[in-house]
C-alpha atoms as a PDB file:
ATOM      1  CA  MET A   1      23.107 -53.208  61.625  1.00  0.00           C
ATOM      2  CA  ALA A   2      21.567 -52.755  57.985  1.00  0.00           C
ATOM      3  CA  VAL A   3      21.948 -49.553  56.102  1.00  0.00           C
ATOM      4  CA  GLN A   4      19.352 -48.593  53.639  1.00  0.00           C
ATOM      5  CA  THR A   5      20.113 -46.727  50.409  1.00  0.00           C
ATOM      6  CA  THR A   6      18.084 -44.825  48.013  1.00  0.00           C
ATOM      7  CA  ALA A   7      18.894 -43.763  44.727  1.00  0.00           C
ATOM      8  CA  PRO A   8      18.281 -40.371  43.479  1.00  0.00           C
ATOM      9  CA  LYS A   9      15.180 -39.634  41.674  1.00  0.00           C
ATOM     10  CA  THR A  10      15.684 -38.847  38.103  1.00  0.00           C
ATOM     11  CA  GLY A  11      12.109 -38.431  37.123  1.00  0.00           C
ATOM     12  CA  SER A  12      10.106 -35.072  36.701  1.00  0.00           C
ATOM     13  CA  ALA A  13      12.845 -33.388  38.878  1.00  0.00           C
ATOM     14  CA  ALA A  14      15.647 -34.330  36.474  1.00  0.00           C
ATOM     15  CA  ALA A  15      13.539 -33.159  33.646  1.00  0.00           C
ATOM     16  CA  GLY A  16      13.209 -29.577  35.351  1.00  0.00           C
ATOM     17  CA  SER A  17      16.686 -29.302  35.854  1.00  0.00           C
ATOM     18  CA  PRO A  18      18.604 -26.562  33.738  1.00  0.00           C
ATOM     19  CA  ALA A  19      20.884 -29.455  32.096  1.00  0.00           C
ATOM     20  CA  ALA A  20      17.494 -31.013  30.926  1.00  0.00           C
ATOM     21  CA  GLY A  21      15.961 -27.663  29.652  1.00  0.00           C
ATOM     22  CA  ALA A  22      19.468 -26.796  27.747  1.00  0.00           C
ATOM     23  CA  SER A  23      19.219 -30.313  26.147  1.00  0.00           C
ATOM     24  CA  LYS A  24      15.723 -29.704  25.030  1.00  0.00           C
ATOM     25  CA  ASN A  25      16.470 -26.465  23.551  1.00  0.00           C
ATOM     26  CA  ALA A  26      19.770 -27.857  21.834  1.00  0.00           C
ATOM     27  CA  SER A  27      17.634 -30.708  20.240  1.00  0.00           C
ATOM     28  CA  THR A  28      15.005 -28.215  19.216  1.00  0.00           C
ATOM     29  CA  ALA A  29      17.536 -25.929  17.616  1.00  0.00           C
ATOM     30  CA  ARG A  30      19.284 -29.153  15.860  1.00  0.00           C
ATOM     31  CA  SER A  31      15.707 -30.047  14.804  1.00  0.00           C
ATOM     32  CA  ASN A  32      15.167 -26.504  13.280  1.00  0.00           C
ATOM     33  CA  GLU A  33      18.377 -26.465  11.368  1.00  0.00           C
ATOM     34  CA  ILE A  34      18.380 -27.163   7.514  1.00  0.00           C
ATOM     35  CA  ASP A  35      20.561 -29.920   6.531  1.00  0.00           C
ATOM     36  CA  LEU A  36      21.821 -28.352   3.022  1.00  0.00           C
ATOM     37  CA  VAL A  37      23.860 -31.278   2.091  1.00  0.00           C
ATOM     38  CA  ALA A  38      20.974 -33.620   2.603  1.00  0.00           C
ATOM     39  CA  LEU A  39      18.845 -31.030   0.625  1.00  0.00           C
ATOM     40  CA  PHE A  40      21.542 -30.943  -2.050  1.00  0.00           C
ATOM     41  CA  TYR A  41      21.209 -34.947  -2.464  1.00  0.00           C
ATOM     42  CA  ARG A  42      17.201 -34.575  -2.432  1.00  0.00           C
ATOM     43  CA  PHE A  43      17.693 -32.244  -5.196  1.00  0.00           C
ATOM     44  CA  LEU A  44      20.136 -34.938  -7.050  1.00  0.00           C
ATOM     45  CA  GLU A  45      17.422 -37.537  -6.357  1.00  0.00           C
ATOM     46  CA  LYS A  46      14.586 -35.347  -8.063  1.00  0.00           C
ATOM     47  CA  ILE A  47      16.747 -33.947 -10.799  1.00  0.00           C
ATOM     48  CA  HIS A  48      14.206 -35.543 -13.263  1.00  0.00           C
ATOM     49  CA  TRP A  49      11.625 -33.505 -12.021  1.00  0.00           C
ATOM     50  CA  ILE A  50      13.430 -30.171 -11.970  1.00  0.00           C
ATOM     51  CA  ILE A  51      14.655 -30.782 -15.757  1.00  0.00           C
ATOM     52  CA  ALA A  52      11.258 -31.323 -16.758  1.00  0.00           C
ATOM     53  CA  ALA A  53       9.681 -28.536 -14.966  1.00  0.00           C
ATOM     54  CA  ALA A  54      12.638 -26.356 -16.454  1.00  0.00           C
ATOM     55  CA  ALA A  55      11.577 -27.709 -19.831  1.00  0.00           C
ATOM     56  CA  LEU A  56       8.083 -27.003 -19.288  1.00  0.00           C
ATOM     57  CA  GLY A  57       8.976 -23.382 -18.235  1.00  0.00           C
ATOM     58  CA  ALA A  58      11.178 -22.813 -21.552  1.00  0.00           C
ATOM     59  CA  ALA A  59       8.187 -24.279 -23.420  1.00  0.00           C
ATOM     60  CA  ILE A  60       5.504 -22.011 -22.078  1.00  0.00           C
ATOM     61  CA  ALA A  61       7.673 -19.084 -22.350  1.00  0.00           C
ATOM     62  CA  GLY A  62       8.461 -20.062 -26.020  1.00  0.00           C
ATOM     63  CA  VAL A  63       4.669 -20.154 -26.746  1.00  0.00           C
ATOM     64  CA  ILE A  64       4.265 -16.991 -25.305  1.00  0.00           C
ATOM     65  CA  VAL A  65       6.881 -14.933 -27.163  1.00  0.00           C
ATOM     66  CA  TYR A  66       6.285 -16.499 -30.420  1.00  0.00           C
ATOM     67  CA  PHE A  67       2.441 -16.539 -30.571  1.00  0.00           C
ATOM     68  CA  VAL A  68       0.943 -14.343 -27.933  1.00  0.00           C
ATOM     69  CA  VAL A  69       3.209 -11.131 -26.898  1.00  0.00           C
ATOM     70  CA  THR A  70       3.027  -8.614 -30.219  1.00  0.00           C
ATOM     71  CA  PRO A  71       6.291  -7.487 -30.891  1.00  0.00           C
ATOM     72  CA  VAL A  72       7.296  -3.793 -30.605  1.00  0.00           C
ATOM     73  CA  TYR A  73       9.963  -1.966 -32.480  1.00  0.00           C
ATOM     74  CA  GLU A  74      11.450   1.508 -31.357  1.00  0.00           C
ATOM     75  CA  ALA A  75      12.942   4.065 -33.777  1.00  0.00           C
ATOM     76  CA  THR A  76      14.783   7.310 -32.232  1.00  0.00           C
ATOM     77  CA  SER A  77      15.281  10.648 -33.740  1.00  0.00           C
ATOM     78  CA  LYS A  78      17.625  13.403 -32.136  1.00  0.00           C
ATOM     79  CA  ILE A  79      17.430  17.095 -31.904  1.00  0.00           C
ATOM     80  CA  TYR A  80      20.143  19.616 -31.181  1.00  0.00           C
ATOM     81  CA  ILE A  81      19.216  22.235 -28.897  1.00  0.00           C
ATOM     82  CA  VAL A  82      21.603  24.986 -29.926  1.00  0.00           C
ATOM     83  CA  GLY A  83      21.886  25.106 -33.695  1.00  0.00           C
ATOM     84  CA  SER A  84      22.801  27.964 -35.858  1.00  0.00           C
ATOM     85  CA  ASP A  85      24.545  28.569 -39.286  1.00  0.00           C
ATOM     86  CA  THR A  86      27.046  30.964 -37.254  1.00  0.00           C
ATOM     87  CA  ALA A  87      29.406  30.489 -34.683  1.00  0.00           C
ATOM     88  CA  ILE A  88      28.111  29.208 -31.334  1.00  0.00           C
ATOM     89  CA  SER A  89      28.811  31.249 -28.391  1.00  0.00           C
ATOM     90  CA  LEU A  90      29.163  30.301 -24.694  1.00  0.00           C
ATOM     91  CA  SER A  91      26.074  32.105 -23.810  1.00  0.00           C
ATOM     92  CA  ASP A  92      24.262  29.975 -26.445  1.00  0.00           C
ATOM     93  CA  LEU A  93      25.626  26.789 -24.762  1.00  0.00           C
ATOM     94  CA  GLN A  94      24.489  28.104 -21.362  1.00  0.00           C
ATOM     95  CA  ILE A  95      20.962  28.860 -22.843  1.00  0.00           C
ATOM     96  CA  GLY A  96      20.840  25.146 -24.558  1.00  0.00           C
ATOM     97  CA  SER A  97      21.232  23.588 -21.171  1.00  0.00           C
ATOM     98  CA  ASN A  98      18.602  25.660 -19.492  1.00  0.00           C
ATOM     99  CA  LEU A  99      16.161  25.029 -22.282  1.00  0.00           C
ATOM    100  CA  ALA A 100      16.457  21.255 -22.110  1.00  0.00           C
ATOM    101  CA  ALA A 101      13.717  20.756 -19.833  1.00  0.00           C
ATOM    102  CA  ASP A 102      11.473  23.303 -21.531  1.00  0.00           C
ATOM    103  CA  TYR A 103      11.852  21.497 -24.792  1.00  0.00           C
ATOM    104  CA  GLN A 104      10.886  18.299 -23.432  1.00  0.00           C
ATOM    105  CA  GLU A 105       7.797  19.670 -22.336  1.00  0.00           C
ATOM    106  CA  VAL A 106       6.979  20.936 -25.824  1.00  0.00           C
ATOM    107  CA  PHE A 107       6.599  17.006 -26.342  1.00  0.00           C
ATOM    108  CA  ARG A 108       3.859  17.021 -23.955  1.00  0.00           C
ATOM    109  CA  ASN A 109       1.565  19.359 -25.525  1.00  0.00           C
ATOM    110  CA  TRP A 110      -1.618  18.413 -26.723  1.00  0.00           C
ATOM    111  CA  HIS A 111      -1.213  20.616 -29.946  1.00  0.00           C
ATOM    112  CA  VAL A 112       2.004  18.988 -30.929  1.00  0.00           C
ATOM    113  CA  HIS A 113       0.122  15.451 -30.790  1.00  0.00           C
ATOM    114  CA  GLU A 114      -2.745  16.942 -32.696  1.00  0.00           C
ATOM    115  CA  LEU A 115      -0.340  18.088 -35.413  1.00  0.00           C
ATOM    116  CA  VAL A 116       1.420  14.795 -35.677  1.00  0.00           C
ATOM    117  CA  ASP A 117      -1.994  13.026 -35.858  1.00  0.00           C
ATOM    118  CA  LYS A 118      -3.100  15.307 -38.718  1.00  0.00           C
ATOM    119  CA  ARG A 119       0.089  15.170 -40.510  1.00  0.00           C
ATOM    120  CA  LEU A 120       0.094  11.195 -40.290  1.00  0.00           C
ATOM    121  CA  GLY A 121      -3.437  10.883 -40.550  1.00  0.00           C
ATOM    122  CA  LEU A 122      -3.363   8.077 -38.048  1.00  0.00           C
ATOM    123  CA  GLU A 123      -6.672   9.253 -36.261  1.00  0.00           C
ATOM    124  CA  TYR A 124      -5.074   8.252 -32.818  1.00  0.00           C
ATOM    125  CA  SER A 125      -6.262   9.361 -29.715  1.00  0.00           C
ATOM    126  CA  TYR A 126      -4.037  11.953 -27.477  1.00  0.00           C
ATOM    127  CA  SER A 127      -3.352   9.464 -24.844  1.00  0.00           C
ATOM    128  CA  ARG A 128      -2.170   6.682 -27.283  1.00  0.00           C
ATOM    129  CA  LEU A 129       0.059   9.193 -29.294  1.00  0.00           C
ATOM    130  CA  ALA A 130       1.552  10.324 -25.906  1.00  0.00           C
ATOM    131  CA  GLY A 131       2.088   6.640 -24.933  1.00  0.00           C
ATOM    132  CA  MET A 132       3.901   5.925 -28.103  1.00  0.00           C
ATOM    133  CA  ILE A 133       6.846   8.368 -27.430  1.00  0.00           C
ATOM    134  CA  THR A 134       9.755   8.985 -25.102  1.00  0.00           C
ATOM    135  CA  VAL A 135      11.643  12.133 -24.832  1.00  0.00           C
ATOM    136  CA  LYS A 136      14.868  12.283 -22.868  1.00  0.00           C
ATOM    137  CA  ASN A 137      17.796  14.504 -22.505  1.00  0.00           C
ATOM    138  CA  PRO A 138      21.248  12.745 -21.713  1.00  0.00           C
ATOM    139  CA  ALA A 139      23.028  14.548 -19.167  1.00  0.00           C
ATOM    140  CA  ASN A 140      25.920  17.289 -19.901  1.00  0.00           C
ATOM    141  CA  THR A 141      24.610  17.028 -23.793  1.00  0.00           C
ATOM    142  CA  HIS A 142      22.305  19.429 -25.828  1.00  0.00           C
ATOM    143  CA  VAL A 143      20.562  16.676 -27.708  1.00  0.00           C
ATOM    144  CA  ILE A 144      17.094  15.426 -26.900  1.00  0.00           C
ATOM    145  CA  TYR A 145      16.237  11.831 -27.863  1.00  0.00           C
ATOM    146  CA  VAL A 146      12.730  11.361 -29.379  1.00  0.00           C
ATOM    147  CA  THR A 147      11.981   7.478 -29.384  1.00  0.00           C
ATOM    148  CA  ALA A 148       8.768   6.088 -30.728  1.00  0.00           C
ATOM    149  CA  LYS A 149       7.391   2.548 -30.185  1.00  0.00           C
ATOM    150  CA  SER A 150       4.691   0.859 -32.456  1.00  0.00           C
ATOM    151  CA  PRO A 151       3.971  -2.631 -33.478  1.00  0.00           C
ATOM    152  CA  SER A 152       5.182  -1.806 -37.100  1.00  0.00           C
ATOM    153  CA  PRO A 153       8.971  -0.924 -37.631  1.00  0.00           C
ATOM    154  CA  GLU A 154       7.882   1.642 -40.474  1.00  0.00           C
ATOM    155  CA  GLU A 155       5.166   3.476 -38.107  1.00  0.00           C
ATOM    156  CA  ALA A 156       7.839   3.487 -35.312  1.00  0.00           C
ATOM    157  CA  GLN A 157      10.414   5.477 -37.693  1.00  0.00           C
ATOM    158  CA  LEU A 158       7.620   7.848 -39.106  1.00  0.00           C
ATOM    159  CA  VAL A 159       6.222   8.840 -35.704  1.00  0.00           C
ATOM    160  CA  ALA A 160       9.815   9.510 -34.385  1.00  0.00           C
ATOM    161  CA  ASN A 161      10.841  11.686 -37.446  1.00  0.00           C
ATOM    162  CA  THR A 162       7.579  13.651 -37.627  1.00  0.00           C
ATOM    163  CA  TYR A 163       7.585  14.430 -33.882  1.00  0.00           C
ATOM    164  CA  ALA A 164      10.879  15.726 -34.461  1.00  0.00           C
ATOM    165  CA  GLN A 165      10.182  17.958 -37.424  1.00  0.00           C
ATOM    166  CA  VAL A 166       6.719  19.148 -35.444  1.00  0.00           C
ATOM    167  CA  ALA A 167       8.667  20.181 -32.415  1.00  0.00           C
ATOM    168  CA  ARG A 168      11.130  22.135 -34.486  1.00  0.00           C
ATOM    169  CA  GLU A 169       8.393  24.160 -35.934  1.00  0.00           C
ATOM    170  CA  PHE A 170       6.576  24.324 -32.878  1.00  0.00           C
ATOM    171  CA  ILE A 171       9.451  25.691 -30.971  1.00  0.00           C
ATOM    172  CA  ALA A 172      10.400  28.211 -33.514  1.00  0.00           C
ATOM    173  CA  ALA A 173       6.580  29.623 -33.925  1.00  0.00           C
ATOM    174  CA  LYS A 174       5.283  29.430 -30.384  1.00  0.00           C
ATOM    175  CA  MET A 175       8.468  30.271 -28.372  1.00  0.00           C
ATOM    176  CA  ASP A 176       9.975  32.871 -30.524  1.00  0.00           C
ATOM    177  CA  MET A 177      13.578  30.858 -30.543  1.00  0.00           C
ATOM    178  CA  ARG A 178      15.800  29.566 -33.014  1.00  0.00           C
ATOM    179  CA  GLU A 179      14.388  26.539 -34.625  1.00  0.00           C
ATOM    180  CA  PRO A 180      16.590  23.532 -33.270  1.00  0.00           C
ATOM    181  CA  ASN A 181      18.391  21.190 -35.876  1.00  0.00           C
ATOM    182  CA  ILE A 182      17.671  17.576 -36.729  1.00  0.00           C
ATOM    183  CA  PHE A 183      20.725  16.040 -35.214  1.00  0.00           C
ATOM    184  CA  GLU A 184      19.986  12.392 -36.663  1.00  0.00           C
ATOM    185  CA  GLU A 185      17.124  11.195 -38.215  1.00  0.00           C
ATOM    186  CA  ALA A 186      15.311   7.800 -36.910  1.00  0.00           C
ATOM    187  CA  LYS A 187      16.197   4.789 -39.121  1.00  0.00           C
ATOM    188  CA  LEU A 188      14.070   1.725 -39.592  1.00  0.00           C
ATOM    189  CA  PRO A 189      14.497  -0.841 -36.756  1.00  0.00           C
ATOM    190  CA  ASP A 190      15.152  -4.487 -37.914  1.00  0.00           C
ATOM    191  CA  ARG A 191      14.411  -6.047 -35.015  1.00  0.00           C
ATOM    192  CA  PRO A 192      11.843  -5.514 -31.979  1.00  0.00           C
ATOM    193  CA  VAL A 193      12.925  -4.473 -28.543  1.00  0.00           C
ATOM    194  CA  THR A 194      10.410  -6.762 -26.950  1.00  0.00           C
ATOM    195  CA  PRO A 195       9.815  -9.690 -26.420  1.00  0.00           C
ATOM    196  CA  ARG A 196      13.611 -10.655 -26.501  1.00  0.00           C
ATOM    197  CA  LYS A 197      12.707 -14.223 -27.515  1.00  0.00           C
ATOM    198  CA  SER A 198      16.118 -15.891 -26.418  1.00  0.00           C
ATOM    199  CA  ARG A 199      16.306 -14.193 -23.208  1.00  0.00           C
ATOM    200  CA  ASP A 200      12.537 -14.827 -22.181  1.00  0.00           C
ATOM    201  CA  ILE A 201      13.066 -18.685 -23.323  1.00  0.00           C
ATOM    202  CA  VAL A 202      16.337 -18.695 -20.902  1.00  0.00           C
ATOM    203  CA  MET A 203      14.415 -17.000 -18.136  1.00  0.00           C
ATOM    204  CA  GLY A 204      11.288 -19.176 -18.458  1.00  0.00           C
ATOM    205  CA  PHE A 205      13.927 -22.258 -18.100  1.00  0.00           C
ATOM    206  CA  LEU A 206      15.221 -20.689 -15.090  1.00  0.00           C
ATOM    207  CA  LEU A 207      11.904 -20.041 -13.514  1.00  0.00           C
ATOM    208  CA  GLY A 208      10.762 -23.352 -14.208  1.00  0.00           C
ATOM    209  CA  ALA A 209      13.759 -24.879 -12.310  1.00  0.00           C
ATOM    210  CA  LEU A 210      13.375 -22.565  -9.567  1.00  0.00           C
ATOM    211  CA  ALA A 211       9.799 -23.476  -9.058  1.00  0.00           C
ATOM    212  CA  ALA A 212      10.303 -27.121  -8.698  1.00  0.00           C
ATOM    213  CA  MET A 213      13.171 -26.475  -6.391  1.00  0.00           C
ATOM    214  CA  ALA A 214      11.023 -24.785  -4.097  1.00  0.00           C
ATOM    215  CA  VAL A 215       8.454 -27.242  -4.293  1.00  0.00           C
ATOM    216  CA  ILE A 216      10.904 -29.816  -3.417  1.00  0.00           C
ATOM    217  CA  THR A 217      12.505 -27.655  -0.887  1.00  0.00           C
ATOM    218  CA  PHE A 218       9.089 -27.218   0.656  1.00  0.00           C
ATOM    219  CA  ASN A 219       8.240 -30.859   0.810  1.00  0.00           C
ATOM    220  CA  PHE A 220      11.903 -31.445   2.257  1.00  0.00           C
ATOM    221  CA  LEU A 221      11.148 -28.962   5.215  1.00  0.00           C
ATOM    222  CA  THR A 222       7.839 -30.165   6.027  1.00  0.00           C
ATOM    223  CA  ASP A 223       8.689 -34.025   5.889  1.00  0.00           C
ATOM    224  CA  ASP A 224       9.152 -35.152   9.449  1.00  0.00           C
ATOM    225  CA  ARG A 225       8.786 -38.950   8.687  1.00  0.00           C
ATOM    226  CA  ILE A 226      11.478 -40.991  10.437  1.00  0.00           C
ATOM    227  CA  ARG A 227      13.479 -42.814   7.620  1.00  0.00           C
ATOM    228  CA  SER A 228      16.899 -43.730   9.309  1.00  0.00           C
ATOM    229  CA  GLY A 229      18.491 -43.990  12.300  1.00  0.00           C
ATOM    230  CA  GLU A 230      20.124 -40.449  11.870  1.00  0.00           C
ATOM    231  CA  ASP A 231      16.617 -38.889  11.888  1.00  0.00           C
ATOM    232  CA  ILE A 232      16.017 -40.448  15.071  1.00  0.00           C
ATOM    233  CA  THR A 233      19.272 -38.882  16.647  1.00  0.00           C
ATOM    234  CA  LYS A 234      18.412 -35.480  14.868  1.00  0.00           C
ATOM    235  CA  ALA A 235      14.897 -35.816  16.521  1.00  0.00           C
ATOM    236  CA  GLY A 236      16.766 -35.749  20.216  1.00  0.00           C
ATOM    237  CA  LEU A 237      15.954 -39.624  20.614  1.00  0.00           C
ATOM    238  CA  ILE A 238      18.361 -42.632  21.644  1.00  0.00           C
ATOM    239  CA  THR A 239      18.399 -45.529  19.304  1.00  0.00           C
ATOM    240  CA  LEU A 240      18.471 -48.423  21.549  1.00  0.00           C
ATOM    241  CA  GLY A 241      18.979 -51.008  18.883  1.00  0.00           C
ATOM    242  CA  MET A 242      17.854 -52.197  15.484  1.00  0.00           C
ATOM    243  CA  ILE A 243      15.768 -55.048  14.628  1.00  0.00           C
ATOM    244  CA  PRO A 244      16.169 -56.577  10.737  1.00  0.00           C
ATOM    245  CA  LEU A 245      13.302 -57.343   8.985  1.00  0.00           C
ATOM    246  CA  GLN A 246      12.492 -61.004   8.279  1.00  0.00           C
ATOM    247  CA  SER A 247      10.356 -63.142   6.307  1.00  0.00           C
ATOM    248  CA  ASP A 248       8.094 -65.916   7.633  1.00  0.00           C
ATOM    249  CA  ARG A 249       8.224 -67.964   4.561  1.00  0.00           C
ATOM    250  CA  ASP A 250      11.277 -69.536   2.879  1.00  0.00           C
ATOM    251  CA  ASP A 251      12.941 -68.241   0.019  1.00  0.00           C
ATOM    252  CA  GLY A 252      12.706 -70.843  -2.217  1.00  0.00           C
ATOM    253  CA  GLU A 253       8.769 -70.834  -1.456  1.00  0.00           C
ATOM    254  CA  ARG A 254       6.810 -69.560  -4.524  1.00  0.00           C
ATOM    255  CA  VAL A 255       3.845 -66.884  -3.518  1.00  0.00           C
ATOM    256  CA  THR A 256       1.002 -66.811  -6.329  1.00  0.00           C
ATOM    257  CA  PRO A 257      -0.354 -63.294  -6.523  1.00  0.00           C
ATOM    258  CA  LEU A 258      -3.992 -62.880  -5.893  1.00  0.00           C
ATOM    259  CA  TYR A 259      -5.689 -60.470  -8.156  1.00  0.00           C
ATOM    260  CA  GLY A 260      -9.096 -59.537  -9.972  1.00  0.00           C
ATOM    261  CA  ARG A 261     -11.704 -61.670 -10.012  1.00  0.00           C
ATOM    262  CA  ASN A 262      -9.914 -64.921  -9.837  1.00  0.00           C
ATOM    263  CA  ALA A 263      -8.717 -64.185  -6.593  1.00  0.00           C
ATOM    264  CA  ALA A 264     -11.233 -66.451  -4.824  1.00  0.00           C
ATOM    265  CA  LYS A 265     -10.605 -69.260  -7.017  1.00  0.00           C
ATOM    266  CA  GLN A 266      -6.887 -69.038  -6.426  1.00  0.00           C
ATOM    267  CA  ALA A 267      -7.291 -68.729  -2.634  1.00  0.00           C
ATOM    268  CA  ALA A 268      -9.511 -71.610  -2.682  1.00  0.00           C
ATOM    269  CA  TYR A 269      -7.210 -73.595  -5.123  1.00  0.00           C
ATOM    270  CA  LYS A 270      -3.990 -73.157  -3.138  1.00  0.00           C
ATOM    271  CA  PRO A 271      -4.890 -75.307   0.108  1.00  0.00           C
ATOM    272  CA  ARG A 272      -6.244 -77.858  -2.008  1.00  0.00           C
ATOM    273  CA  GLN A 273      -3.029 -77.952  -4.002  1.00  0.00           C
ATOM    274  CA  SER A 274      -0.921 -78.269  -0.949  1.00  0.00           C
ATOM    275  CA  ARG A 275      -2.929 -81.003   0.610  1.00  0.00           C
ATOM    276  CA  LYS A 276      -2.344 -83.127  -2.487  1.00  0.00           C
ATOM    277  CA  GLU A 277       1.528 -82.238  -2.222  1.00  0.00           C
ATOM    278  CA  GLY A 278       1.182 -83.462   1.360  1.00  0.00           C
ATOM    279  CA  GLU A 279      -0.583 -86.694   0.455  1.00  0.00           C
END
């Protein structure tokens, strides 16, 4: 008696099994992973483009800081809040601490800006003068820093010192208080605070390199072409074999390239030449 056997079906039923789903998810997860080693070698492969982009970024930054951006100079004068020819009491120190914020408000008064403008003869607007100065009081101190910024170092020094002097007079006249002392006059700045040429050129170099690396990384992540057997394995496929490339002609046969307008003449001449060699 013959016994009939049937092989289990491995078609769609097997494809819908939990094992097949897990394998599919695993292959998908593998395909979504970023191969950092391969990305590093891609950077090494494109290192000449990275260096070129970095040099271009440094060149652009150099042109901007040397020929486009206007240098800005900064000068600072200092006012001591509690100043007196006599001994300073504890109450004076406490009052000075409480008045630090009030003294800073003096430099926001339009009348102070107007007095500075008239004394210097600059004919600047109120908003421009207000934007040129910065006033701050460091923590746990009785000193007010009056900082002026200008494209001219002489103007920055002059504005800072004039604001300090006008503020002293305004406090004594309008607030009915002792005139604070000039703790330190502004000195002539010898270098601009912006731009910082060396720092900006280095930043341009780094930004150019980062931009090139970002483009290379984007191309690396979006490139789904199969280049090797490892790419096939990463895609979740099975490599059955490899077929080497073969050439139909002998290695000793010389092939004449066809190019330009003489392509037709060369193509017609070649069979004729081969017939002569055969004869």
